Protein backbone atom coordinates (compact mmCIF):
# COMPACT_ATOMS: atom_id res chain seq x y z
CA MET A 1 0.00 0.00 0.00
CA VAL A 2 1.18 3.53 -0.78
CA GLU A 3 0.38 6.41 1.55
CA ASN A 4 -0.23 9.96 0.33
CA VAL A 5 -0.69 13.01 2.51
CA HIS A 6 -3.29 15.44 1.19
CA MET A 7 -4.22 18.49 3.27
CA GLY A 8 -2.73 16.86 6.37
CA VAL A 9 -4.80 13.67 5.99
CA LYS A 10 -3.16 10.35 5.18
CA GLN A 11 -4.77 8.53 2.28
CA LYS A 12 -3.93 4.96 1.33
CA GLU A 13 -3.90 3.81 -2.26
CA LEU A 14 -4.33 0.16 -3.11
CA PRO A 15 -1.78 -1.19 -5.59
CA ASN A 16 -3.15 -1.67 -9.13
CA GLY A 17 -6.51 -0.29 -8.02
CA LYS A 18 -8.09 1.56 -10.92
CA HIS A 19 -11.58 1.48 -9.44
CA GLY A 20 -13.29 4.72 -8.54
CA LEU A 21 -16.79 6.03 -8.14
CA GLN A 22 -18.59 9.32 -8.24
CA LEU A 23 -22.11 9.67 -6.88
CA GLU A 24 -24.07 12.85 -7.51
CA LYS A 25 -27.27 13.60 -5.59
CA ARG A 26 -27.72 9.87 -4.82
CA ALA A 27 -28.96 9.49 -8.39
CA GLN A 28 -26.12 9.60 -10.92
CA LEU A 29 -23.34 7.07 -10.41
CA THR A 30 -20.18 6.88 -12.51
CA LEU A 31 -17.85 3.92 -11.93
CA THR A 32 -14.38 3.19 -13.29
CA GLY A 33 -12.39 -0.01 -12.96
CA VAL A 34 -15.44 -2.18 -13.75
CA ASP A 35 -14.54 -5.57 -15.23
CA ASP A 36 -18.04 -7.02 -15.64
CA ILE A 37 -21.70 -6.67 -14.67
CA VAL A 38 -22.62 -9.81 -12.73
CA ARG A 39 -26.32 -9.05 -12.28
CA PHE A 40 -28.69 -6.22 -13.05
CA SER A 41 -32.23 -5.33 -11.98
CA GLU A 42 -34.05 -2.09 -11.14
CA ASP A 43 -33.34 -2.71 -7.44
CA GLU A 44 -29.82 -4.16 -7.46
CA VAL A 45 -26.74 -4.04 -9.66
CA ILE A 46 -23.75 -6.28 -8.93
CA LEU A 47 -20.49 -5.26 -10.57
CA LYS A 48 -17.11 -6.96 -10.62
CA THR A 49 -14.40 -4.34 -10.06
CA ASP A 50 -10.66 -4.65 -9.73
CA LEU A 51 -11.07 -4.01 -5.98
CA GLY A 52 -13.83 -6.55 -5.33
CA GLU A 53 -17.48 -7.11 -6.04
CA LEU A 54 -19.70 -4.01 -5.66
CA HIS A 55 -23.41 -4.24 -4.87
CA VAL A 56 -25.43 -1.13 -5.69
CA LEU A 57 -28.89 -1.12 -4.09
CA GLY A 58 -31.58 1.33 -5.05
CA GLN A 59 -34.75 1.97 -6.99
CA GLY A 60 -35.28 2.49 -10.70
CA MET A 61 -31.65 1.68 -11.54
CA GLN A 62 -30.77 2.09 -15.22
CA ILE A 63 -27.46 1.69 -17.01
CA LEU A 64 -26.93 4.78 -19.16
CA LYS A 65 -23.48 3.90 -20.50
CA LEU A 66 -21.47 0.68 -20.49
CA THR A 67 -17.97 0.64 -21.95
CA LEU A 68 -16.12 -2.45 -20.75
CA GLU A 69 -13.20 -1.63 -23.06
CA GLU A 70 -12.67 1.49 -20.91
CA ASN A 71 -13.95 -0.22 -17.73
CA LEU A 72 -16.61 2.50 -17.35
CA VAL A 73 -20.26 2.33 -16.25
CA LYS A 74 -22.70 5.22 -15.80
CA MET A 75 -25.96 4.56 -13.98
CA ASP A 76 -29.04 6.51 -12.99
CA GLY A 77 -31.63 5.84 -10.27
CA ARG A 78 -32.08 6.33 -6.55
CA VAL A 79 -29.04 4.80 -4.81
CA SER A 80 -29.70 3.59 -1.27
CA ALA A 81 -26.50 1.59 -0.57
CA LEU A 82 -23.07 0.75 -1.97
CA ILE A 83 -21.63 -2.47 -0.53
CA TYR A 84 -18.25 -4.02 -1.35
CA GLN A 85 -17.78 -7.75 -0.96
CA GLU A 86 -14.27 -9.13 -1.02
CA THR A 87 -14.94 -12.63 0.27
CA ALA A 88 -15.73 -15.66 -1.83
CA GLN A 89 -18.97 -15.98 0.12
CA LYS A 90 -21.96 -15.34 -2.17
CA LEU A 91 -24.54 -13.49 -0.11
CA SER A 92 -27.13 -11.30 -1.74
CA ALA A 93 -26.70 -7.56 -1.25
CA ARG A 94 -29.96 -7.46 0.69
CA GLN A 95 -28.67 -10.13 3.12
CA LEU A 96 -25.45 -8.12 3.56
CA LEU A 97 -27.41 -4.96 4.26
CA ARG A 98 -29.68 -6.73 6.78
CA ARG A 99 -26.62 -8.04 8.63
CA ALA A 100 -25.01 -4.60 8.65
CA LEU A 101 -28.14 -2.98 10.10
CA ARG A 102 -28.59 -5.44 12.98
């Protein structure tokens, strides 16, 4: 891991991590470093990124742009949760969220 100091705050960068996300107004989500879309519905999108599997929970989710050659995804909809899963365990995003809220 590499550490950077920005405005007096230490930030850690993961090696080879090209994944990033930008969420605007909980509605417009832009993701980089996306290798594949594992599953898609209006309520849940599961993406494979170079830093682990990402579960996006929400309502009315739509993919506006998908460019796997550039590892880019743009989505629209009401985002209620972003959950990363690094384990091999295959739990649904809703099960993960329920466990986190207990």
